[in-house]
N, C-alpha and C. Protein backbone atom coordinates (compact mmCIF):
# COMPACT_ATOMS: atom_id res chain seq x y z
N MET A 1 -105.37 0.71 16.71
CA MET A 1 -104.88 2.08 16.64
C MET A 1 -105.18 2.77 17.96
N ASN A 2 -104.23 3.50 18.47
CA ASN A 2 -104.32 4.14 19.77
C ASN A 2 -104.56 5.64 19.59
N TRP A 3 -105.66 6.15 20.14
CA TRP A 3 -105.99 7.58 19.97
C TRP A 3 -104.98 8.48 20.67
N ILE A 4 -104.40 8.02 21.79
CA ILE A 4 -103.40 8.84 22.50
C ILE A 4 -102.14 8.99 21.63
N ASP A 5 -101.79 7.92 20.92
CA ASP A 5 -100.66 7.96 19.99
C ASP A 5 -100.91 9.01 18.91
N LEU A 6 -102.12 9.03 18.35
CA LEU A 6 -102.48 9.98 17.30
C LEU A 6 -102.47 11.43 17.81
N VAL A 7 -103.12 11.66 18.95
CA VAL A 7 -103.20 13.02 19.52
C VAL A 7 -101.81 13.54 19.88
N SER A 8 -101.00 12.70 20.53
CA SER A 8 -99.66 13.15 20.91
C SER A 8 -98.81 13.41 19.67
N SER A 9 -99.03 12.64 18.62
CA SER A 9 -98.29 12.86 17.37
C SER A 9 -98.62 14.22 16.77
N ILE A 10 -99.89 14.55 16.72
CA ILE A 10 -100.32 15.84 16.15
C ILE A 10 -99.80 17.00 17.00
N LEU A 11 -99.95 16.88 18.33
CA LEU A 11 -99.46 17.94 19.21
C LEU A 11 -97.95 18.10 19.12
N GLY A 12 -97.23 16.99 19.08
CA GLY A 12 -95.78 17.05 18.99
C GLY A 12 -95.30 17.70 17.70
N LEU A 13 -95.91 17.33 16.60
CA LEU A 13 -95.54 17.94 15.31
C LEU A 13 -95.80 19.44 15.32
N THR A 14 -96.94 19.83 15.84
CA THR A 14 -97.29 21.24 15.90
C THR A 14 -96.28 22.00 16.75
N CYS A 15 -95.93 21.43 17.89
CA CYS A 15 -95.00 22.07 18.82
C CYS A 15 -93.63 22.29 18.18
N VAL A 16 -93.07 21.25 17.57
CA VAL A 16 -91.72 21.39 17.02
C VAL A 16 -91.67 22.27 15.77
N VAL A 17 -92.74 22.25 14.98
CA VAL A 17 -92.77 23.13 13.82
C VAL A 17 -92.79 24.58 14.29
N LEU A 18 -93.60 24.88 15.31
CA LEU A 18 -93.63 26.24 15.85
C LEU A 18 -92.27 26.64 16.44
N ALA A 19 -91.64 25.73 17.18
CA ALA A 19 -90.32 26.03 17.77
C ALA A 19 -89.29 26.27 16.67
N GLY A 20 -89.31 25.44 15.65
CA GLY A 20 -88.36 25.58 14.55
C GLY A 20 -88.54 26.88 13.77
N ARG A 21 -89.74 27.44 13.85
CA ARG A 21 -90.03 28.71 13.19
C ARG A 21 -89.87 29.88 14.15
N ASN A 22 -89.28 29.59 15.32
CA ASN A 22 -88.97 30.62 16.31
C ASN A 22 -90.23 31.26 16.91
N SER A 23 -91.31 30.47 17.04
CA SER A 23 -92.56 30.97 17.60
C SER A 23 -92.69 30.62 19.07
N LYS A 24 -92.92 31.64 19.89
CA LYS A 24 -93.09 31.41 21.33
C LYS A 24 -94.37 30.62 21.64
N TYR A 25 -95.27 30.50 20.67
CA TYR A 25 -96.52 29.76 20.89
C TYR A 25 -96.29 28.25 20.97
N ASN A 26 -95.09 27.81 20.62
CA ASN A 26 -94.78 26.39 20.75
C ASN A 26 -94.93 25.91 22.18
N PHE A 27 -94.73 26.80 23.14
CA PHE A 27 -94.81 26.40 24.54
C PHE A 27 -96.23 26.03 24.96
N TRP A 28 -97.22 26.76 24.45
CA TRP A 28 -98.62 26.46 24.81
C TRP A 28 -99.01 25.08 24.29
N VAL A 29 -98.61 24.76 23.08
CA VAL A 29 -98.87 23.43 22.53
C VAL A 29 -98.05 22.39 23.31
N GLY A 30 -96.85 22.77 23.72
CA GLY A 30 -95.99 21.87 24.49
C GLY A 30 -96.60 21.42 25.81
N TYR A 31 -97.38 22.28 26.43
CA TYR A 31 -98.04 21.89 27.68
C TYR A 31 -99.04 20.75 27.43
N LEU A 32 -99.80 20.85 26.36
CA LEU A 32 -100.76 19.79 26.01
C LEU A 32 -100.03 18.52 25.57
N TYR A 33 -98.94 18.69 24.84
CA TYR A 33 -98.14 17.57 24.37
C TYR A 33 -97.58 16.76 25.55
N THR A 34 -97.11 17.45 26.56
CA THR A 34 -96.57 16.78 27.74
C THR A 34 -97.63 15.91 28.40
N ALA A 35 -98.85 16.42 28.53
CA ALA A 35 -99.94 15.64 29.13
C ALA A 35 -100.27 14.41 28.29
N ALA A 36 -100.32 14.57 26.97
CA ALA A 36 -100.63 13.45 26.08
C ALA A 36 -99.53 12.38 26.15
N LEU A 37 -98.26 12.81 26.18
CA LEU A 37 -97.16 11.85 26.27
C LEU A 37 -97.18 11.09 27.59
N PHE A 38 -97.54 11.77 28.66
CA PHE A 38 -97.63 11.10 29.96
C PHE A 38 -98.60 9.92 29.86
N LEU A 39 -99.75 10.15 29.27
CA LEU A 39 -100.75 9.08 29.11
C LEU A 39 -100.24 7.97 28.19
N LEU A 40 -99.60 8.33 27.10
CA LEU A 40 -99.08 7.34 26.15
C LEU A 40 -98.02 6.46 26.80
N PHE A 41 -97.08 7.06 27.50
CA PHE A 41 -96.00 6.29 28.11
C PHE A 41 -96.49 5.45 29.28
N TRP A 42 -97.51 5.91 29.98
CA TRP A 42 -98.13 5.13 31.06
C TRP A 42 -98.71 3.85 30.46
N GLN A 43 -99.42 4.03 29.35
CA GLN A 43 -100.08 2.90 28.69
C GLN A 43 -99.06 1.89 28.15
N LYS A 44 -97.92 2.35 27.63
CA LYS A 44 -96.92 1.47 27.01
C LYS A 44 -95.86 0.99 27.99
N ASN A 45 -95.95 1.42 29.25
CA ASN A 45 -95.01 0.98 30.28
C ASN A 45 -93.57 1.44 30.02
N LEU A 46 -93.41 2.58 29.35
CA LEU A 46 -92.09 3.16 29.13
C LEU A 46 -91.80 4.11 30.30
N LEU A 47 -91.24 3.54 31.34
CA LEU A 47 -91.17 4.24 32.62
C LEU A 47 -90.22 5.43 32.64
N ALA A 48 -89.07 5.32 31.99
CA ALA A 48 -88.15 6.47 31.96
C ALA A 48 -88.79 7.63 31.21
N SER A 49 -89.44 7.32 30.11
CA SER A 49 -90.12 8.38 29.35
C SER A 49 -91.29 8.95 30.13
N LEU A 50 -91.98 8.11 30.88
CA LEU A 50 -93.08 8.56 31.73
C LEU A 50 -92.58 9.53 32.80
N MET A 51 -91.48 9.18 33.45
CA MET A 51 -90.93 10.02 34.51
C MET A 51 -90.36 11.33 33.96
N LEU A 52 -90.10 11.37 32.67
CA LEU A 52 -89.59 12.57 32.02
C LEU A 52 -90.63 13.69 31.99
N GLN A 53 -91.89 13.35 31.93
CA GLN A 53 -92.91 14.35 31.65
C GLN A 53 -93.00 15.48 32.69
N PRO A 54 -92.96 15.23 34.00
CA PRO A 54 -92.95 16.37 34.94
C PRO A 54 -91.71 17.26 34.77
N VAL A 55 -90.56 16.66 34.50
CA VAL A 55 -89.34 17.42 34.28
C VAL A 55 -89.47 18.21 32.97
N SER A 56 -90.03 17.57 31.95
CA SER A 56 -90.26 18.22 30.67
C SER A 56 -91.18 19.43 30.83
N LEU A 57 -92.19 19.28 31.64
CA LEU A 57 -93.11 20.39 31.91
C LEU A 57 -92.37 21.56 32.56
N ALA A 58 -91.51 21.26 33.53
CA ALA A 58 -90.74 22.31 34.22
C ALA A 58 -89.81 23.03 33.23
N ILE A 59 -89.15 22.27 32.35
CA ILE A 59 -88.26 22.89 31.35
C ILE A 59 -89.08 23.74 30.38
N ASN A 60 -90.26 23.26 30.01
CA ASN A 60 -91.14 24.01 29.11
C ASN A 60 -91.54 25.35 29.74
N ILE A 61 -91.87 25.34 31.00
CA ILE A 61 -92.24 26.58 31.71
C ILE A 61 -91.04 27.53 31.75
N MET A 62 -89.85 26.99 32.08
CA MET A 62 -88.64 27.81 32.12
C MET A 62 -88.34 28.40 30.74
N GLY A 63 -88.45 27.57 29.70
CA GLY A 63 -88.18 28.04 28.34
C GLY A 63 -89.16 29.11 27.91
N HIS A 64 -90.42 28.93 28.25
CA HIS A 64 -91.44 29.92 27.92
C HIS A 64 -91.06 31.28 28.52
N TYR A 65 -90.63 31.25 29.77
CA TYR A 65 -90.22 32.49 30.43
C TYR A 65 -88.96 33.07 29.78
N ARG A 66 -87.96 32.21 29.54
CA ARG A 66 -86.69 32.68 28.97
C ARG A 66 -86.88 33.30 27.58
N TRP A 67 -87.70 32.67 26.75
CA TRP A 67 -87.91 33.17 25.40
C TRP A 67 -88.62 34.51 25.39
N THR A 68 -89.45 34.76 26.38
CA THR A 68 -90.26 35.99 26.39
C THR A 68 -89.75 37.05 27.36
N HIS A 69 -88.72 36.74 28.15
CA HIS A 69 -88.17 37.70 29.12
C HIS A 69 -86.64 37.68 29.09
N PRO A 70 -86.03 38.02 27.95
CA PRO A 70 -84.57 37.98 27.88
C PRO A 70 -83.93 39.12 28.67
N ARG A 71 -82.72 38.84 29.16
CA ARG A 71 -81.94 39.93 29.77
C ARG A 71 -81.49 40.87 28.66
N GLU A 72 -81.03 42.04 29.03
CA GLU A 72 -80.67 43.06 28.05
C GLU A 72 -79.68 42.56 27.00
N ASP A 73 -78.65 41.83 27.45
CA ASP A 73 -77.61 41.34 26.53
C ASP A 73 -78.04 40.12 25.72
N GLU A 74 -79.24 39.59 25.97
CA GLU A 74 -79.73 38.41 25.28
C GLU A 74 -80.84 38.72 24.27
N LYS A 75 -81.17 39.97 24.11
CA LYS A 75 -82.29 40.34 23.25
C LYS A 75 -81.94 40.18 21.77
N SER A 76 -82.91 39.70 21.03
CA SER A 76 -82.75 39.54 19.59
C SER A 76 -82.72 40.92 18.92
N SER A 77 -81.89 41.05 17.90
CA SER A 77 -81.84 42.33 17.17
C SER A 77 -83.13 42.57 16.38
N ALA A 78 -83.82 41.51 15.99
CA ALA A 78 -85.06 41.63 15.23
C ALA A 78 -86.26 41.95 16.12
N ASP A 79 -86.21 41.48 17.38
CA ASP A 79 -87.34 41.66 18.31
C ASP A 79 -86.77 41.77 19.72
N SER A 80 -86.77 42.97 20.26
CA SER A 80 -86.15 43.19 21.58
C SER A 80 -86.89 42.51 22.73
N SER A 81 -88.09 41.98 22.47
CA SER A 81 -88.81 41.26 23.53
C SER A 81 -88.55 39.76 23.45
N ALA A 82 -87.69 39.34 22.52
CA ALA A 82 -87.42 37.91 22.32
C ALA A 82 -85.95 37.58 22.60
N LEU A 83 -85.74 36.36 23.06
CA LEU A 83 -84.39 35.85 23.30
C LEU A 83 -83.71 35.55 21.96
N LYS A 84 -82.43 35.94 21.83
CA LYS A 84 -81.71 35.66 20.59
C LYS A 84 -81.15 34.24 20.60
N VAL A 85 -80.91 33.70 19.43
CA VAL A 85 -80.31 32.38 19.26
C VAL A 85 -78.81 32.50 19.52
N THR A 86 -78.25 31.60 20.33
CA THR A 86 -76.82 31.55 20.58
C THR A 86 -76.33 30.11 20.38
N MET A 87 -75.01 29.91 20.49
CA MET A 87 -74.42 28.57 20.36
C MET A 87 -73.61 28.23 21.59
N LEU A 88 -73.50 26.92 21.85
CA LEU A 88 -72.63 26.45 22.93
C LEU A 88 -71.17 26.56 22.49
N SER A 89 -70.27 26.71 23.46
CA SER A 89 -68.84 26.63 23.16
C SER A 89 -68.49 25.14 22.98
N TRP A 90 -67.31 24.86 22.43
CA TRP A 90 -66.90 23.46 22.27
C TRP A 90 -66.76 22.75 23.61
N THR A 91 -66.31 23.46 24.62
CA THR A 91 -66.20 22.87 25.96
C THR A 91 -67.58 22.49 26.48
N GLU A 92 -68.55 23.37 26.30
CA GLU A 92 -69.93 23.08 26.73
C GLU A 92 -70.51 21.90 25.96
N ARG A 93 -70.20 21.78 24.69
CA ARG A 93 -70.68 20.66 23.89
C ARG A 93 -70.13 19.33 24.40
N VAL A 94 -68.84 19.30 24.68
CA VAL A 94 -68.22 18.07 25.20
C VAL A 94 -68.85 17.71 26.55
N PHE A 95 -69.06 18.70 27.40
CA PHE A 95 -69.69 18.45 28.70
C PHE A 95 -71.09 17.87 28.51
N CYS A 96 -71.86 18.42 27.59
CA CYS A 96 -73.23 17.95 27.35
C CYS A 96 -73.24 16.49 26.89
N VAL A 97 -72.34 16.15 25.97
CA VAL A 97 -72.26 14.77 25.46
C VAL A 97 -71.89 13.80 26.57
N LEU A 98 -70.89 14.16 27.35
CA LEU A 98 -70.48 13.29 28.47
C LEU A 98 -71.60 13.14 29.49
N ALA A 99 -72.27 14.22 29.80
CA ALA A 99 -73.37 14.18 30.76
C ALA A 99 -74.48 13.26 30.27
N VAL A 100 -74.81 13.33 28.99
CA VAL A 100 -75.86 12.46 28.44
C VAL A 100 -75.48 10.99 28.61
N PHE A 101 -74.26 10.63 28.24
CA PHE A 101 -73.85 9.22 28.32
C PHE A 101 -73.81 8.71 29.76
N VAL A 102 -73.25 9.48 30.66
CA VAL A 102 -73.14 9.05 32.06
C VAL A 102 -74.51 8.92 32.71
N ILE A 103 -75.34 9.93 32.54
CA ILE A 103 -76.67 9.91 33.17
C ILE A 103 -77.54 8.82 32.54
N ALA A 104 -77.49 8.66 31.21
CA ALA A 104 -78.30 7.63 30.54
C ALA A 104 -77.90 6.23 31.00
N PHE A 105 -76.60 5.98 31.12
CA PHE A 105 -76.16 4.65 31.58
C PHE A 105 -76.63 4.40 33.01
N ALA A 106 -76.44 5.38 33.89
CA ALA A 106 -76.85 5.22 35.29
C ALA A 106 -78.37 5.03 35.40
N TRP A 107 -79.13 5.82 34.64
CA TRP A 107 -80.59 5.72 34.68
C TRP A 107 -81.05 4.37 34.12
N GLY A 108 -80.44 3.94 33.05
CA GLY A 108 -80.79 2.63 32.47
C GLY A 108 -80.51 1.50 33.43
N TRP A 109 -79.36 1.55 34.10
CA TRP A 109 -79.01 0.52 35.07
C TRP A 109 -80.04 0.50 36.20
N LEU A 110 -80.41 1.70 36.70
CA LEU A 110 -81.39 1.80 37.78
C LEU A 110 -82.76 1.29 37.33
N LEU A 111 -83.18 1.68 36.16
CA LEU A 111 -84.48 1.20 35.64
C LEU A 111 -84.50 -0.31 35.50
N ASN A 112 -83.41 -0.85 35.01
CA ASN A 112 -83.32 -2.30 34.82
C ASN A 112 -83.46 -3.04 36.15
N ARG A 113 -82.97 -2.44 37.22
CA ARG A 113 -83.06 -3.07 38.54
C ARG A 113 -84.42 -2.85 39.21
N LEU A 114 -84.96 -1.65 39.08
CA LEU A 114 -86.20 -1.31 39.79
C LEU A 114 -87.48 -1.65 39.02
N PHE A 115 -87.43 -1.54 37.71
CA PHE A 115 -88.64 -1.72 36.89
C PHE A 115 -88.37 -2.69 35.75
N PRO A 116 -88.31 -3.98 36.03
CA PRO A 116 -87.99 -4.93 34.96
C PRO A 116 -89.06 -5.00 33.86
N ALA A 117 -90.20 -4.34 34.05
CA ALA A 117 -91.25 -4.34 33.02
C ALA A 117 -90.88 -3.45 31.83
N ASP A 118 -89.94 -2.52 32.00
CA ASP A 118 -89.53 -1.66 30.90
C ASP A 118 -88.83 -2.54 29.86
N PRO A 119 -89.37 -2.61 28.62
CA PRO A 119 -88.80 -3.52 27.62
C PRO A 119 -87.39 -3.15 27.14
N HIS A 120 -87.03 -1.88 27.23
CA HIS A 120 -85.72 -1.42 26.74
C HIS A 120 -85.18 -0.35 27.68
N PRO A 121 -84.72 -0.71 28.87
CA PRO A 121 -84.34 0.32 29.86
C PRO A 121 -83.21 1.24 29.41
N TYR A 122 -82.19 0.72 28.72
CA TYR A 122 -81.07 1.58 28.33
C TYR A 122 -81.43 2.49 27.16
N LEU A 123 -82.14 1.96 26.17
CA LEU A 123 -82.60 2.79 25.06
C LEU A 123 -83.60 3.83 25.56
N ASP A 124 -84.52 3.40 26.40
CA ASP A 124 -85.52 4.30 27.00
C ASP A 124 -84.81 5.42 27.77
N SER A 125 -83.80 5.08 28.56
CA SER A 125 -83.06 6.07 29.33
C SER A 125 -82.26 7.01 28.44
N CYS A 126 -81.65 6.47 27.40
CA CYS A 126 -80.87 7.30 26.49
C CYS A 126 -81.77 8.33 25.81
N VAL A 127 -82.92 7.88 25.34
CA VAL A 127 -83.87 8.80 24.71
C VAL A 127 -84.31 9.86 25.72
N THR A 128 -84.59 9.43 26.93
CA THR A 128 -85.05 10.35 27.97
C THR A 128 -84.03 11.43 28.26
N VAL A 129 -82.79 11.05 28.45
CA VAL A 129 -81.74 12.02 28.78
C VAL A 129 -81.45 12.93 27.58
N LEU A 130 -81.46 12.37 26.38
CA LEU A 130 -81.27 13.20 25.18
C LEU A 130 -82.38 14.23 25.04
N ILE A 131 -83.61 13.82 25.32
CA ILE A 131 -84.74 14.74 25.25
C ILE A 131 -84.57 15.86 26.27
N LEU A 132 -84.20 15.50 27.48
CA LEU A 132 -83.99 16.53 28.51
C LEU A 132 -82.92 17.53 28.09
N MET A 133 -81.84 17.02 27.53
CA MET A 133 -80.76 17.90 27.09
C MET A 133 -81.24 18.79 25.94
N ALA A 134 -81.92 18.20 24.97
CA ALA A 134 -82.42 18.98 23.83
C ALA A 134 -83.43 20.03 24.29
N GLN A 135 -84.31 19.66 25.22
CA GLN A 135 -85.29 20.61 25.73
C GLN A 135 -84.61 21.74 26.49
N PHE A 136 -83.62 21.40 27.31
CA PHE A 136 -82.91 22.42 28.07
C PHE A 136 -82.21 23.40 27.13
N LEU A 137 -81.57 22.86 26.09
CA LEU A 137 -80.89 23.73 25.12
C LEU A 137 -81.90 24.57 24.33
N SER A 138 -83.05 23.99 24.01
CA SER A 138 -84.13 24.74 23.34
C SER A 138 -84.62 25.88 24.22
N ALA A 139 -84.78 25.58 25.50
CA ALA A 139 -85.26 26.60 26.45
C ALA A 139 -84.29 27.77 26.53
N GLN A 140 -83.01 27.51 26.29
CA GLN A 140 -81.99 28.56 26.30
C GLN A 140 -81.79 29.17 24.92
N LYS A 141 -82.53 28.68 23.94
CA LYS A 141 -82.47 29.08 22.53
C LYS A 141 -81.05 28.91 21.97
N LYS A 142 -80.49 27.73 22.24
CA LYS A 142 -79.18 27.37 21.71
C LYS A 142 -79.35 26.64 20.37
N TRP A 143 -78.64 27.08 19.36
CA TRP A 143 -78.67 26.45 18.04
C TRP A 143 -78.42 24.95 18.16
N ASP A 144 -77.54 24.57 19.07
CA ASP A 144 -77.13 23.17 19.25
C ASP A 144 -78.30 22.25 19.61
N CYS A 145 -79.39 22.83 20.10
CA CYS A 145 -80.53 21.99 20.48
C CYS A 145 -81.02 21.17 19.29
N TRP A 146 -80.91 21.73 18.06
CA TRP A 146 -81.42 21.01 16.89
C TRP A 146 -80.53 19.82 16.54
N VAL A 147 -79.25 19.88 16.84
CA VAL A 147 -78.39 18.72 16.66
C VAL A 147 -78.84 17.63 17.63
N ALA A 148 -79.09 18.02 18.88
CA ALA A 148 -79.58 17.05 19.87
C ALA A 148 -80.93 16.47 19.45
N TRP A 149 -81.82 17.32 18.92
CA TRP A 149 -83.13 16.83 18.48
C TRP A 149 -83.01 15.84 17.34
N LEU A 150 -82.06 16.04 16.43
CA LEU A 150 -81.87 15.09 15.33
C LEU A 150 -81.48 13.71 15.88
N ILE A 151 -80.60 13.68 16.86
CA ILE A 151 -80.20 12.42 17.48
C ILE A 151 -81.40 11.80 18.20
N VAL A 152 -82.16 12.62 18.91
CA VAL A 152 -83.36 12.15 19.62
C VAL A 152 -84.33 11.50 18.63
N ASN A 153 -84.55 12.15 17.49
CA ASN A 153 -85.53 11.66 16.53
C ASN A 153 -85.18 10.27 16.01
N VAL A 154 -83.93 10.06 15.69
CA VAL A 154 -83.50 8.75 15.20
C VAL A 154 -83.65 7.70 16.29
N THR A 155 -83.22 8.04 17.51
CA THR A 155 -83.29 7.10 18.62
C THR A 155 -84.75 6.79 18.99
N GLN A 156 -85.59 7.82 19.02
CA GLN A 156 -86.99 7.62 19.35
C GLN A 156 -87.70 6.76 18.32
N MET A 157 -87.34 6.91 17.08
CA MET A 157 -87.94 6.09 16.03
C MET A 157 -87.74 4.61 16.35
N ALA A 158 -86.51 4.27 16.71
CA ALA A 158 -86.20 2.88 17.04
C ALA A 158 -86.99 2.41 18.27
N LEU A 159 -87.09 3.27 19.28
CA LEU A 159 -87.81 2.91 20.50
C LEU A 159 -89.30 2.69 20.23
N HIS A 160 -89.93 3.60 19.50
CA HIS A 160 -91.37 3.47 19.24
C HIS A 160 -91.68 2.28 18.34
N ILE A 161 -90.84 1.99 17.39
CA ILE A 161 -91.04 0.81 16.54
C ILE A 161 -90.96 -0.45 17.40
N SER A 162 -90.02 -0.47 18.35
CA SER A 162 -89.81 -1.66 19.18
C SER A 162 -90.98 -1.97 20.11
N VAL A 163 -91.78 -0.94 20.48
CA VAL A 163 -92.92 -1.20 21.37
C VAL A 163 -94.26 -1.21 20.63
N GLY A 164 -94.21 -1.07 19.30
CA GLY A 164 -95.42 -1.21 18.50
C GLY A 164 -96.27 0.04 18.34
N ASN A 165 -95.73 1.22 18.66
CA ASN A 165 -96.50 2.43 18.40
C ASN A 165 -96.63 2.62 16.89
N VAL A 166 -97.79 3.09 16.47
CA VAL A 166 -98.07 3.22 15.04
C VAL A 166 -97.67 4.58 14.50
N PHE A 167 -98.15 5.63 15.13
CA PHE A 167 -97.95 6.97 14.58
C PHE A 167 -96.62 7.59 14.97
N MET A 168 -96.14 7.30 16.17
CA MET A 168 -94.94 7.98 16.65
C MET A 168 -93.70 7.75 15.78
N PRO A 169 -93.47 6.55 15.20
CA PRO A 169 -92.31 6.42 14.30
C PRO A 169 -92.42 7.32 13.07
N ILE A 170 -93.62 7.45 12.54
CA ILE A 170 -93.84 8.33 11.39
C ILE A 170 -93.59 9.78 11.80
N VAL A 171 -94.11 10.13 12.97
CA VAL A 171 -93.93 11.48 13.49
C VAL A 171 -92.45 11.76 13.72
N CYS A 172 -91.71 10.79 14.23
CA CYS A 172 -90.27 10.98 14.44
C CYS A 172 -89.55 11.25 13.12
N GLY A 173 -89.99 10.61 12.05
CA GLY A 173 -89.42 10.89 10.73
C GLY A 173 -89.72 12.31 10.30
N LEU A 174 -90.94 12.77 10.57
CA LEU A 174 -91.30 14.15 10.25
C LEU A 174 -90.52 15.13 11.14
N TYR A 175 -90.31 14.75 12.42
CA TYR A 175 -89.49 15.56 13.32
C TYR A 175 -88.08 15.70 12.76
N LEU A 176 -87.57 14.62 12.21
CA LEU A 176 -86.23 14.62 11.65
C LEU A 176 -86.13 15.65 10.51
N ILE A 177 -87.11 15.65 9.63
CA ILE A 177 -87.13 16.64 8.54
C ILE A 177 -87.23 18.05 9.11
N ASN A 178 -88.13 18.24 10.08
CA ASN A 178 -88.27 19.56 10.71
C ASN A 178 -86.98 19.97 11.40
N GLY A 179 -86.30 19.02 12.04
CA GLY A 179 -85.05 19.33 12.73
C GLY A 179 -83.98 19.85 11.79
N ILE A 180 -83.90 19.25 10.60
CA ILE A 180 -82.92 19.70 9.60
C ILE A 180 -83.25 21.12 9.15
N ILE A 181 -84.53 21.36 8.88
CA ILE A 181 -84.96 22.70 8.45
C ILE A 181 -84.72 23.72 9.57
N SER A 182 -85.05 23.33 10.80
CA SER A 182 -84.90 24.23 11.95
C SER A 182 -83.44 24.53 12.26
N LEU A 183 -82.58 23.54 12.09
CA LEU A 183 -81.14 23.74 12.28
C LEU A 183 -80.67 24.86 11.35
N ARG A 184 -81.12 24.82 10.12
CA ARG A 184 -80.77 25.85 9.14
C ARG A 184 -81.39 27.20 9.50
N ASN A 185 -82.68 27.20 9.87
CA ASN A 185 -83.36 28.45 10.24
C ASN A 185 -82.69 29.13 11.43
N TRP A 186 -82.40 28.35 12.47
CA TRP A 186 -81.78 28.93 13.66
C TRP A 186 -80.34 29.36 13.37
N GLY A 187 -79.68 28.68 12.44
CA GLY A 187 -78.34 29.11 12.02
C GLY A 187 -78.39 30.50 11.40
N LYS A 188 -79.41 30.75 10.60
CA LYS A 188 -79.59 32.08 10.01
C LYS A 188 -79.88 33.12 11.09
N LEU A 189 -80.74 32.76 12.06
CA LEU A 189 -81.04 33.68 13.16
C LEU A 189 -79.79 33.99 13.98
N TYR A 190 -78.97 32.97 14.21
CA TYR A 190 -77.71 33.16 14.95
C TYR A 190 -76.80 34.13 14.19
N ASN A 191 -76.67 33.93 12.90
CA ASN A 191 -75.79 34.79 12.09
C ASN A 191 -76.27 36.25 12.07
N LYS A 192 -77.58 36.46 12.12
CA LYS A 192 -78.12 37.82 12.15
C LYS A 192 -77.76 38.54 13.45
N ASN A 193 -77.67 37.79 14.54
CA ASN A 193 -77.38 38.37 15.85
C ASN A 193 -75.90 38.34 16.22
N ALA A 194 -75.08 37.63 15.43
CA ALA A 194 -73.67 37.47 15.76
C ALA A 194 -72.87 38.74 15.51
């Protein structure tokens, strides 16, 4: 049993539950979660996921600022100091999907050439790019982020099972449940502000 796996699982669950409940405190837990994941991925040789962590930290910082410093037209009707939930247009959704596939394929190909120790370069890259997209959409408080998170959770479950992590597949299942609940919660928040 790996203690980093356990700690990152607890931090990750706490972070996503707080985010799904529209709590800005999810970002503080997210900073610790990023550090724990860096150590876990270093240990398991999941290089694309490892390289994600500095980028993830930057998105977390940006999201923390965006959620707590909305522009006038972005303020929530329930709390004027908070960013309101919005949705992507269909054009933006298509662009996001295409971007994920193109970047994930290119990153997987590059990882396969540069780091042959990565046991699953294309799956690792796909998870990495999906996470970045989901985090970016979360940072912008887009309802669509929860759809991306649901896809991430299923994909991550497969990745963690394949490398023998014990707690992370269970946590991914719990993330999946939280993602469904959060999708509904943020839908209600969107409708209140629409």
